[in-house]
Amino acid sequence: MRVFDLLVRTLLTAVCCVPSALGLADEPLPAAKDIVARYDAALGGRAAILKHTSTTMRGTITIPGSASDRVTVLPFVYLARAPYQRVERVSLPNNGGDAIDGFDGEVAWSFDPRTKKADVYTGDDRESAKRDADYYYPLDELSWFKSMETVGEEEFEGQRCFRLHGINNWNKSNDHFYDRDTGLLAGYEFASEMGPTHEIFSDYQKVDGVLFPMKQTVKVKNGDNWVVREVLDYASVTFNDVDAAAFKLPQPVQDLLAGRGVTPAGPK
């Protein structure tokens, strides 16, 4: 998974009509497909998920300071639209502009206002960006993996969870943890540029019929300890309010593609 500067990917989660916990201590572990099916049911079911076609999320990213640095809090806006469109804007301090990251359905890109530099991603990075933009990821989850199997039941960030070990379609390990009692996604464990990484979903609240994790925490392993690197707190989440025009490529990205002889198709 590619972690864009400060933002991490967002997905819909809900817990209405949660079935009873799968399996007992003396029974075999449930299959990955059954745990994922239970998760989809906890979301409210397929119809409830497909009811929504776009999302606007606003909030703040908190970056803990070192011994000599103050805590940094940055506002962000995240827009998503089915089936594979997203754009993330993080407002930098001191009127430094917006760091932007996006996927318009075809092109994975980013823009850094500090350097005025645009980037376009290919290969595995593009596939990772498309996966992150999959609006219906809970329903599509297993299609992104070559293999996914239940490997145990263990503690993950204070929750008793089923651990699913996945190898994604570009051969990267990405493990999913589902709360044994509620069926909700508790988090991921994967390797990032920062090292072994936990992405944790918590503070679920119901928004337009589904539960949404209003807090996402990223931790990185430092020796034997997991250290918080950033915390996303969502102040508002609204559905079905994003137009396709929101995903138009910024001019610097268009210029970069033109220099490569590529004419972007534009959002649909």
C-alpha atoms as a PDB file:
ATOM      1  CA  MET A   1       0.000   0.000   0.000  1.00  0.00           C
ATOM      2  CA  ARG A   2       1.312   3.451  -0.873  1.00  0.00           C
ATOM      3  CA  VAL A   3       0.724   5.922   1.955  1.00  0.00           C
ATOM      4  CA  PHE A   4       0.261   9.430   0.484  1.00  0.00           C
ATOM      5  CA  ASP A   5       2.312  11.769   2.695  1.00  0.00           C
ATOM      6  CA  LEU A   6      -0.163  12.001   5.528  1.00  0.00           C
ATOM      7  CA  LEU A   7      -3.410  10.520   4.285  1.00  0.00           C
ATOM      8  CA  VAL A   8      -4.294   6.906   4.400  1.00  0.00           C
ATOM      9  CA  ARG A   9      -7.025   5.258   2.504  1.00  0.00           C
ATOM     10  CA  THR A  10     -10.659   5.359   3.697  1.00  0.00           C
ATOM     11  CA  LEU A  11     -13.377   2.776   3.336  1.00  0.00           C
ATOM     12  CA  LEU A  12     -17.007   2.399   4.308  1.00  0.00           C
ATOM     13  CA  THR A  13     -17.661   0.352   7.437  1.00  0.00           C
ATOM     14  CA  ALA A  14     -20.874  -0.402   9.316  1.00  0.00           C
ATOM     15  CA  VAL A  15     -22.191  -2.714  11.974  1.00  0.00           C
ATOM     16  CA  CYS A  16     -25.970  -2.986  11.673  1.00  0.00           C
ATOM     17  CA  CYS A  17     -27.425  -6.493  11.891  1.00  0.00           C
ATOM     18  CA  VAL A  18     -24.127  -8.030  13.112  1.00  0.00           C
ATOM     19  CA  PRO A  19     -24.277 -11.837  13.152  1.00  0.00           C
ATOM     20  CA  SER A  20     -23.090 -13.783  16.189  1.00  0.00           C
ATOM     21  CA  ALA A  21     -19.330 -14.274  16.517  1.00  0.00           C
ATOM     22  CA  LEU A  22     -17.870 -16.858  14.155  1.00  0.00           C
ATOM     23  CA  GLY A  23     -16.331 -19.976  15.579  1.00  0.00           C
ATOM     24  CA  LEU A  24     -15.495 -21.083  19.103  1.00  0.00           C
ATOM     25  CA  ALA A  25     -12.151 -21.684  20.757  1.00  0.00           C
ATOM     26  CA  ASP A  26     -12.323 -25.440  20.151  1.00  0.00           C
ATOM     27  CA  GLU A  27     -13.557 -25.149  16.558  1.00  0.00           C
ATOM     28  CA  PRO A  28     -11.536 -24.691  13.366  1.00  0.00           C
ATOM     29  CA  LEU A  29     -10.898 -21.127  12.297  1.00  0.00           C
ATOM     30  CA  PRO A  30     -13.533 -19.773   9.908  1.00  0.00           C
ATOM     31  CA  ALA A  31     -12.499 -19.421   6.279  1.00  0.00           C
ATOM     32  CA  ALA A  32     -11.385 -16.011   5.047  1.00  0.00           C
ATOM     33  CA  LYS A  33     -14.309 -15.814   2.638  1.00  0.00           C
ATOM     34  CA  ASP A  34     -16.747 -16.374   5.505  1.00  0.00           C
ATOM     35  CA  ILE A  35     -15.121 -13.680   7.649  1.00  0.00           C
ATOM     36  CA  VAL A  36     -15.305 -11.248   4.737  1.00  0.00           C
ATOM     37  CA  ALA A  37     -18.932 -12.217   4.074  1.00  0.00           C
ATOM     38  CA  ARG A  38     -19.718 -11.572   7.730  1.00  0.00           C
ATOM     39  CA  TYR A  39     -18.001  -8.193   7.424  1.00  0.00           C
ATOM     40  CA  ASP A  40     -20.148  -7.307   4.410  1.00  0.00           C
ATOM     41  CA  ALA A  41     -23.245  -8.282   6.385  1.00  0.00           C
ATOM     42  CA  ALA A  42     -22.056  -6.114   9.267  1.00  0.00           C
ATOM     43  CA  LEU A  43     -21.845  -3.222   6.846  1.00  0.00           C
ATOM     44  CA  GLY A  44     -25.580  -3.551   6.343  1.00  0.00           C
ATOM     45  CA  GLY A  45     -25.435  -5.781   3.303  1.00  0.00           C
ATOM     46  CA  ARG A  46     -24.762  -5.248  -0.374  1.00  0.00           C
ATOM     47  CA  ALA A  47     -27.823  -3.077  -1.012  1.00  0.00           C
ATOM     48  CA  ALA A  48     -26.910  -0.667   1.780  1.00  0.00           C
ATOM     49  CA  ILE A  49     -23.370  -0.288   0.462  1.00  0.00           C
ATOM     50  CA  LEU A  50     -24.443   0.190  -3.160  1.00  0.00           C
ATOM     51  CA  LYS A  51     -26.937   2.850  -2.088  1.00  0.00           C
ATOM     52  CA  HIS A  52     -24.044   5.316  -1.981  1.00  0.00           C
ATOM     53  CA  THR A  53     -22.074   6.443  -5.035  1.00  0.00           C
ATOM     54  CA  SER A  54     -19.866   9.222  -3.667  1.00  0.00           C
ATOM     55  CA  THR A  55     -18.521  10.568  -0.376  1.00  0.00           C
ATOM     56  CA  THR A  56     -17.077  13.813   0.975  1.00  0.00           C
ATOM     57  CA  MET A  57     -14.930  13.518   4.101  1.00  0.00           C
ATOM     58  CA  ARG A  58     -13.456  16.438   6.035  1.00  0.00           C
ATOM     59  CA  GLY A  59     -11.272  16.442   9.078  1.00  0.00           C
ATOM     60  CA  THR A  60      -7.782  16.911  10.463  1.00  0.00           C
ATOM     61  CA  ILE A  61      -4.519  15.008  10.449  1.00  0.00           C
ATOM     62  CA  THR A  62      -2.521  15.165  13.658  1.00  0.00           C
ATOM     63  CA  ILE A  63       1.201  14.465  13.460  1.00  0.00           C
ATOM     64  CA  PRO A  64       2.837  13.966  16.858  1.00  0.00           C
ATOM     65  CA  GLY A  65       5.940  16.077  17.350  1.00  0.00           C
ATOM     66  CA  SER A  66       9.347  14.876  18.410  1.00  0.00           C
ATOM     67  CA  ALA A  67      10.918  16.016  21.683  1.00  0.00           C
ATOM     68  CA  SER A  68      11.748  19.352  20.066  1.00  0.00           C
ATOM     69  CA  ASP A  69       8.771  19.726  17.718  1.00  0.00           C
ATOM     70  CA  ARG A  70       5.219  20.796  18.345  1.00  0.00           C
ATOM     71  CA  VAL A  71       2.269  18.665  17.305  1.00  0.00           C
ATOM     72  CA  THR A  72       1.138  19.529  13.780  1.00  0.00           C
ATOM     73  CA  VAL A  73      -2.559  19.567  12.895  1.00  0.00           C
ATOM     74  CA  LEU A  74      -3.515  19.876   9.217  1.00  0.00           C
ATOM     75  CA  PRO A  75      -7.011  20.046   7.682  1.00  0.00           C
ATOM     76  CA  PHE A  76      -7.855  17.657   4.852  1.00  0.00           C
ATOM     77  CA  VAL A  77     -10.642  16.955   2.380  1.00  0.00           C
ATOM     78  CA  TYR A  78     -11.126  13.531   0.813  1.00  0.00           C
ATOM     79  CA  LEU A  79     -13.503  13.027  -2.114  1.00  0.00           C
ATOM     80  CA  ALA A  80     -14.451   9.602  -3.467  1.00  0.00           C
ATOM     81  CA  ARG A  81     -16.773   8.479  -6.236  1.00  0.00           C
ATOM     82  CA  ALA A  82     -17.732   5.090  -7.671  1.00  0.00           C
ATOM     83  CA  PRO A  83     -16.272   3.091  -9.118  1.00  0.00           C
ATOM     84  CA  TYR A  84     -12.596   4.200  -8.960  1.00  0.00           C
ATOM     85  CA  GLN A  85     -12.190   7.922  -8.341  1.00  0.00           C
ATOM     86  CA  ARG A  86     -10.680   9.748  -5.390  1.00  0.00           C
ATOM     87  CA  VAL A  87      -8.801  12.944  -4.586  1.00  0.00           C
ATOM     88  CA  GLU A  88      -7.187  13.914  -1.292  1.00  0.00           C
ATOM     89  CA  ARG A  89      -6.136  17.450  -0.319  1.00  0.00           C
ATOM     90  CA  VAL A  90      -4.035  18.248   2.727  1.00  0.00           C
ATOM     91  CA  SER A  91      -3.617  21.953   3.528  1.00  0.00           C
ATOM     92  CA  LEU A  92       0.001  22.666   4.455  1.00  0.00           C
ATOM     93  CA  PRO A  93       1.019  25.094   7.218  1.00  0.00           C
ATOM     94  CA  ASN A  94       1.798  28.776   6.700  1.00  0.00           C
ATOM     95  CA  ASN A  95      -0.406  29.053   3.591  1.00  0.00           C
ATOM     96  CA  GLY A  96       1.806  26.506   1.861  1.00  0.00           C
ATOM     97  CA  GLY A  97      -0.952  25.308  -0.453  1.00  0.00           C
ATOM     98  CA  ASP A  98      -2.565  21.880  -0.788  1.00  0.00           C
ATOM     99  CA  ALA A  99      -0.651  18.643  -1.191  1.00  0.00           C
ATOM    100  CA  ILE A 100      -2.889  16.614  -3.506  1.00  0.00           C
ATOM    101  CA  ASP A 101      -3.102  12.943  -4.385  1.00  0.00           C
ATOM    102  CA  GLY A 102      -5.630  11.323  -6.674  1.00  0.00           C
ATOM    103  CA  PHE A 103      -6.881   8.680  -9.071  1.00  0.00           C
ATOM    104  CA  ASP A 104      -9.298   9.779 -11.794  1.00  0.00           C
ATOM    105  CA  GLY A 105     -10.277   6.295 -12.910  1.00  0.00           C
ATOM    106  CA  GLU A 106      -7.213   5.899 -15.135  1.00  0.00           C
ATOM    107  CA  VAL A 107      -4.344   8.077 -13.897  1.00  0.00           C
ATOM    108  CA  ALA A 108      -2.703   7.873 -10.463  1.00  0.00           C
ATOM    109  CA  TRP A 109      -1.046  11.167  -9.641  1.00  0.00           C
ATOM    110  CA  SER A 110       0.144  13.596  -6.977  1.00  0.00           C
ATOM    111  CA  PHE A 111       1.152  17.256  -6.750  1.00  0.00           C
ATOM    112  CA  ASP A 112       3.404  18.929  -4.170  1.00  0.00           C
ATOM    113  CA  PRO A 113       2.885  22.710  -3.927  1.00  0.00           C
ATOM    114  CA  ARG A 114       6.240  23.144  -2.193  1.00  0.00           C
ATOM    115  CA  THR A 115       8.182  21.963  -5.244  1.00  0.00           C
ATOM    116  CA  LYS A 116       5.446  22.599  -7.835  1.00  0.00           C
ATOM    117  CA  LYS A 117       6.148  19.043  -8.933  1.00  0.00           C
ATOM    118  CA  ALA A 118       3.583  16.634 -10.324  1.00  0.00           C
ATOM    119  CA  ASP A 119       4.046  12.854 -10.431  1.00  0.00           C
ATOM    120  CA  VAL A 120       2.216  10.140 -12.334  1.00  0.00           C
ATOM    121  CA  TYR A 121       2.438   6.561 -11.092  1.00  0.00           C
ATOM    122  CA  THR A 122       2.626   3.346 -13.086  1.00  0.00           C
ATOM    123  CA  GLY A 123       2.957  -0.376 -12.441  1.00  0.00           C
ATOM    124  CA  ASP A 124       2.320  -1.586  -8.912  1.00  0.00           C
ATOM    125  CA  ASP A 125       1.999   1.977  -7.613  1.00  0.00           C
ATOM    126  CA  ARG A 126      -0.868   2.609 -10.021  1.00  0.00           C
ATOM    127  CA  GLU A 127      -2.571  -0.645  -9.041  1.00  0.00           C
ATOM    128  CA  SER A 128      -2.222   0.277  -5.378  1.00  0.00           C
ATOM    129  CA  ALA A 129      -3.761   3.698  -6.080  1.00  0.00           C
ATOM    130  CA  LYS A 130      -6.646   2.087  -7.976  1.00  0.00           C
ATOM    131  CA  ARG A 131      -7.235  -0.322  -5.097  1.00  0.00           C
ATOM    132  CA  ASP A 132      -7.286   2.609  -2.681  1.00  0.00           C
ATOM    133  CA  ALA A 133      -9.833   4.309  -4.952  1.00  0.00           C
ATOM    134  CA  ASP A 134     -12.145   1.279  -5.125  1.00  0.00           C
ATOM    135  CA  TYR A 135     -15.315   2.840  -3.737  1.00  0.00           C
ATOM    136  CA  TYR A 136     -16.857  -0.564  -3.056  1.00  0.00           C
ATOM    137  CA  TYR A 137     -13.738  -2.159  -1.621  1.00  0.00           C
ATOM    138  CA  PRO A 138     -15.647  -4.093   1.086  1.00  0.00           C
ATOM    139  CA  LEU A 139     -17.562  -5.924  -1.656  1.00  0.00           C
ATOM    140  CA  ASP A 140     -14.534  -6.278  -3.940  1.00  0.00           C
ATOM    141  CA  GLU A 141     -11.920  -7.059  -1.302  1.00  0.00           C
ATOM    142  CA  LEU A 142     -11.047 -10.628  -2.271  1.00  0.00           C
ATOM    143  CA  SER A 143     -10.678  -9.712  -5.954  1.00  0.00           C
ATOM    144  CA  TRP A 144      -7.589  -7.658  -5.021  1.00  0.00           C
ATOM    145  CA  PHE A 145      -5.786 -10.693  -3.592  1.00  0.00           C
ATOM    146  CA  LYS A 146      -4.100 -13.725  -5.107  1.00  0.00           C
ATOM    147  CA  SER A 147      -4.625 -15.474  -1.805  1.00  0.00           C
ATOM    148  CA  MET A 148      -6.298 -14.725   1.527  1.00  0.00           C
ATOM    149  CA  GLU A 149      -6.425 -17.193   4.392  1.00  0.00           C
ATOM    150  CA  THR A 150      -7.297 -17.135   8.073  1.00  0.00           C
ATOM    151  CA  VAL A 151      -4.079 -17.778   9.999  1.00  0.00           C
ATOM    152  CA  GLY A 152      -5.120 -17.213  13.589  1.00  0.00           C
ATOM    153  CA  GLU A 153      -7.016 -15.433  16.303  1.00  0.00           C
ATOM    154  CA  GLU A 154      -4.967 -12.810  18.181  1.00  0.00           C
ATOM    155  CA  GLU A 155      -4.879  -9.405  19.824  1.00  0.00           C
ATOM    156  CA  PHE A 156      -4.633  -6.463  17.444  1.00  0.00           C
ATOM    157  CA  GLU A 157      -4.441  -3.031  19.040  1.00  0.00           C
ATOM    158  CA  GLY A 158      -6.415  -4.199  22.046  1.00  0.00           C
ATOM    159  CA  GLN A 159      -9.083  -6.120  20.133  1.00  0.00           C
ATOM    160  CA  ARG A 160      -9.481  -9.871  19.811  1.00  0.00           C
ATOM    161  CA  CYS A 161      -9.408 -10.438  16.063  1.00  0.00           C
ATOM    162  CA  PHE A 162      -9.265 -12.991  13.314  1.00  0.00           C
ATOM    163  CA  ARG A 163      -6.075 -12.442  11.328  1.00  0.00           C
ATOM    164  CA  LEU A 164      -6.334 -12.898   7.571  1.00  0.00           C
ATOM    165  CA  HIS A 165      -3.035 -13.172   5.724  1.00  0.00           C
ATOM    166  CA  GLY A 166      -3.303 -11.798   2.207  1.00  0.00           C
ATOM    167  CA  ILE A 167      -0.966 -11.688  -0.782  1.00  0.00           C
ATOM    168  CA  ASN A 168      -2.284  -9.025  -3.105  1.00  0.00           C
ATOM    169  CA  ASN A 169      -2.292  -9.073  -6.891  1.00  0.00           C
ATOM    170  CA  TRP A 170       1.147  -7.424  -7.041  1.00  0.00           C
ATOM    171  CA  ASN A 171       2.647  -9.920  -4.568  1.00  0.00           C
ATOM    172  CA  LYS A 172       2.699  -7.716  -1.459  1.00  0.00           C
ATOM    173  CA  SER A 173       1.717  -9.006   1.971  1.00  0.00           C
ATOM    174  CA  ASN A 174      -1.270  -7.191   3.516  1.00  0.00           C
ATOM    175  CA  ASP A 175      -2.958  -8.697   6.554  1.00  0.00           C
ATOM    176  CA  HIS A 176      -6.487  -7.808   7.634  1.00  0.00           C
ATOM    177  CA  PHE A 177      -7.813  -7.976  11.204  1.00  0.00           C
ATOM    178  CA  TYR A 178     -11.537  -8.393  11.902  1.00  0.00           C
ATOM    179  CA  ASP A 179     -12.976  -8.023  15.389  1.00  0.00           C
ATOM    180  CA  ARG A 180     -14.093 -11.436  16.575  1.00  0.00           C
ATOM    181  CA  ASP A 181     -17.206 -10.112  18.324  1.00  0.00           C
ATOM    182  CA  THR A 182     -18.506  -7.441  15.950  1.00  0.00           C
ATOM    183  CA  GLY A 183     -17.133  -8.548  12.597  1.00  0.00           C
ATOM    184  CA  LEU A 184     -15.851  -5.020  11.943  1.00  0.00           C
ATOM    185  CA  LEU A 185     -12.524  -4.321  10.320  1.00  0.00           C
ATOM    186  CA  ALA A 186     -10.095  -3.368  13.093  1.00  0.00           C
ATOM    187  CA  GLY A 187      -7.109  -2.659  10.881  1.00  0.00           C
ATOM    188  CA  TYR A 188      -4.318  -3.699   8.536  1.00  0.00           C
ATOM    189  CA  GLU A 189      -0.700  -4.724   8.935  1.00  0.00           C
ATOM    190  CA  PHE A 190       1.660  -4.218   5.993  1.00  0.00           C
ATOM    191  CA  ALA A 191       5.136  -3.053   5.046  1.00  0.00           C
ATOM    192  CA  SER A 192       5.469   0.596   4.022  1.00  0.00           C
ATOM    193  CA  GLU A 193       8.382   2.913   3.375  1.00  0.00           C
ATOM    194  CA  MET A 194       8.307   3.646   7.108  1.00  0.00           C
ATOM    195  CA  GLY A 195       8.642  -0.026   8.076  1.00  0.00           C
ATOM    196  CA  PRO A 196       6.093  -2.483   9.523  1.00  0.00           C
ATOM    197  CA  THR A 197       2.868  -0.473   9.685  1.00  0.00           C
ATOM    198  CA  HIS A 198      -0.507  -0.737  11.403  1.00  0.00           C
ATOM    199  CA  GLU A 199      -3.507   1.142  10.055  1.00  0.00           C
ATOM    200  CA  ILE A 200      -6.231   1.133  12.704  1.00  0.00           C
ATOM    201  CA  PHE A 201      -9.934   1.954  12.289  1.00  0.00           C
ATOM    202  CA  SER A 202     -11.959   3.054  15.335  1.00  0.00           C
ATOM    203  CA  ASP A 203     -14.655   5.355  16.740  1.00  0.00           C
ATOM    204  CA  TYR A 204     -17.389   4.109  14.420  1.00  0.00           C
ATOM    205  CA  GLN A 205     -20.449   6.326  14.018  1.00  0.00           C
ATOM    206  CA  LYS A 206     -23.560   5.819  11.937  1.00  0.00           C
ATOM    207  CA  VAL A 207     -23.742   8.117   8.905  1.00  0.00           C
ATOM    208  CA  ASP A 208     -26.700   7.804   6.545  1.00  0.00           C
ATOM    209  CA  GLY A 209     -27.341   4.205   7.494  1.00  0.00           C
ATOM    210  CA  VAL A 210     -23.795   2.889   7.720  1.00  0.00           C
ATOM    211  CA  LEU A 211     -21.107   3.019  10.377  1.00  0.00           C
ATOM    212  CA  PHE A 212     -18.016   4.988   9.468  1.00  0.00           C
ATOM    213  CA  PRO A 213     -14.661   4.872  11.324  1.00  0.00           C
ATOM    214  CA  MET A 214     -14.315   8.469  12.443  1.00  0.00           C
ATOM    215  CA  LYS A 215     -10.701   7.896  13.484  1.00  0.00           C
ATOM    216  CA  GLN A 216      -7.823   6.254  11.624  1.00  0.00           C
ATOM    217  CA  THR A 217      -4.457   5.825  13.295  1.00  0.00           C
ATOM    218  CA  VAL A 218      -1.187   4.919  11.601  1.00  0.00           C
ATOM    219  CA  LYS A 219       1.496   3.279  13.745  1.00  0.00           C
ATOM    220  CA  VAL A 220       5.001   2.192  12.741  1.00  0.00           C
ATOM    221  CA  LYS A 221       7.042  -0.417  14.556  1.00  0.00           C
ATOM    222  CA  ASN A 222      10.169   0.929  16.248  1.00  0.00           C
ATOM    223  CA  GLY A 223      12.048  -1.926  17.870  1.00  0.00           C
ATOM    224  CA  ASP A 224       9.499  -3.700  20.045  1.00  0.00           C
ATOM    225  CA  ASN A 225       7.133  -0.731  20.169  1.00  0.00           C
ATOM    226  CA  TRP A 226       4.428   0.591  17.850  1.00  0.00           C
ATOM    227  CA  VAL A 227       4.737   4.375  17.550  1.00  0.00           C
ATOM    228  CA  VAL A 228       1.911   6.660  16.369  1.00  0.00           C
ATOM    229  CA  ARG A 229       2.889   8.511  13.195  1.00  0.00           C
ATOM    230  CA  GLU A 230      -0.404  10.188  12.360  1.00  0.00           C
ATOM    231  CA  VAL A 231      -4.046  10.286  13.373  1.00  0.00           C
ATOM    232  CA  LEU A 232      -6.935  11.189  11.068  1.00  0.00           C
ATOM    233  CA  ASP A 233     -10.058  12.519  12.779  1.00  0.00           C
ATOM    234  CA  TYR A 234     -13.150  12.967  10.625  1.00  0.00           C
ATOM    235  CA  ALA A 235     -15.323  15.958  11.460  1.00  0.00           C
ATOM    236  CA  SER A 236     -17.937  15.283   8.767  1.00  0.00           C
ATOM    237  CA  VAL A 237     -18.873  12.564   6.306  1.00  0.00           C
ATOM    238  CA  THR A 238     -21.574  13.037   3.671  1.00  0.00           C
ATOM    239  CA  PHE A 239     -22.743  10.810   0.843  1.00  0.00           C
ATOM    240  CA  ASN A 240     -23.851  11.238  -2.776  1.00  0.00           C
ATOM    241  CA  ASP A 241     -22.618  14.822  -3.150  1.00  0.00           C
ATOM    242  CA  VAL A 242     -19.528  14.647  -5.408  1.00  0.00           C
ATOM    243  CA  ASP A 243     -19.578  15.523  -9.115  1.00  0.00           C
ATOM    244  CA  ALA A 244     -17.248  13.886 -11.634  1.00  0.00           C
ATOM    245  CA  ALA A 245     -15.685  17.279 -12.363  1.00  0.00           C
ATOM    246  CA  ALA A 246     -14.013  17.141  -8.944  1.00  0.00           C
ATOM    247  CA  PHE A 247     -11.586  14.561 -10.336  1.00  0.00           C
ATOM    248  CA  LYS A 248     -10.307  16.591 -13.272  1.00  0.00           C
ATOM    249  CA  LEU A 249      -6.522  16.352 -13.410  1.00  0.00           C
ATOM    250  CA  PRO A 250      -4.694  19.502 -12.242  1.00  0.00           C
ATOM    251  CA  GLN A 251      -2.930  21.402 -14.999  1.00  0.00           C
ATOM    252  CA  PRO A 252       0.588  20.367 -13.856  1.00  0.00           C
ATOM    253  CA  VAL A 253      -0.440  16.710 -14.136  1.00  0.00           C
ATOM    254  CA  GLN A 254      -1.964  17.311 -17.562  1.00  0.00           C
ATOM    255  CA  ASP A 255       1.246  19.030 -18.651  1.00  0.00           C
ATOM    256  CA  LEU A 256       3.333  16.124 -17.402  1.00  0.00           C
ATOM    257  CA  LEU A 257       1.210  13.633 -19.325  1.00  0.00           C
ATOM    258  CA  ALA A 258       1.319  15.791 -22.454  1.00  0.00           C
ATOM    259  CA  GLY A 259       5.099  15.768 -22.223  1.00  0.00           C
ATOM    260  CA  ARG A 260       4.930  11.978 -22.306  1.00  0.00           C
ATOM    261  CA  GLY A 261       2.620  12.031 -25.308  1.00  0.00           C
ATOM    262  CA  VAL A 262      -0.422  10.964 -23.270  1.00  0.00           C
ATOM    263  CA  THR A 263      -3.842  12.605 -23.581  1.00  0.00           C
ATOM    264  CA  PRO A 264      -5.909  11.914 -20.456  1.00  0.00           C
ATOM    265  CA  ALA A 265      -9.470  10.778 -21.026  1.00  0.00           C
ATOM    266  CA  GLY A 266     -10.780  12.864 -18.137  1.00  0.00           C
ATOM    267  CA  PRO A 267     -13.261  11.871 -15.434  1.00  0.00           C
ATOM    268  CA  LYS A 268     -16.447  10.066 -16.420  1.00  0.00           C
END
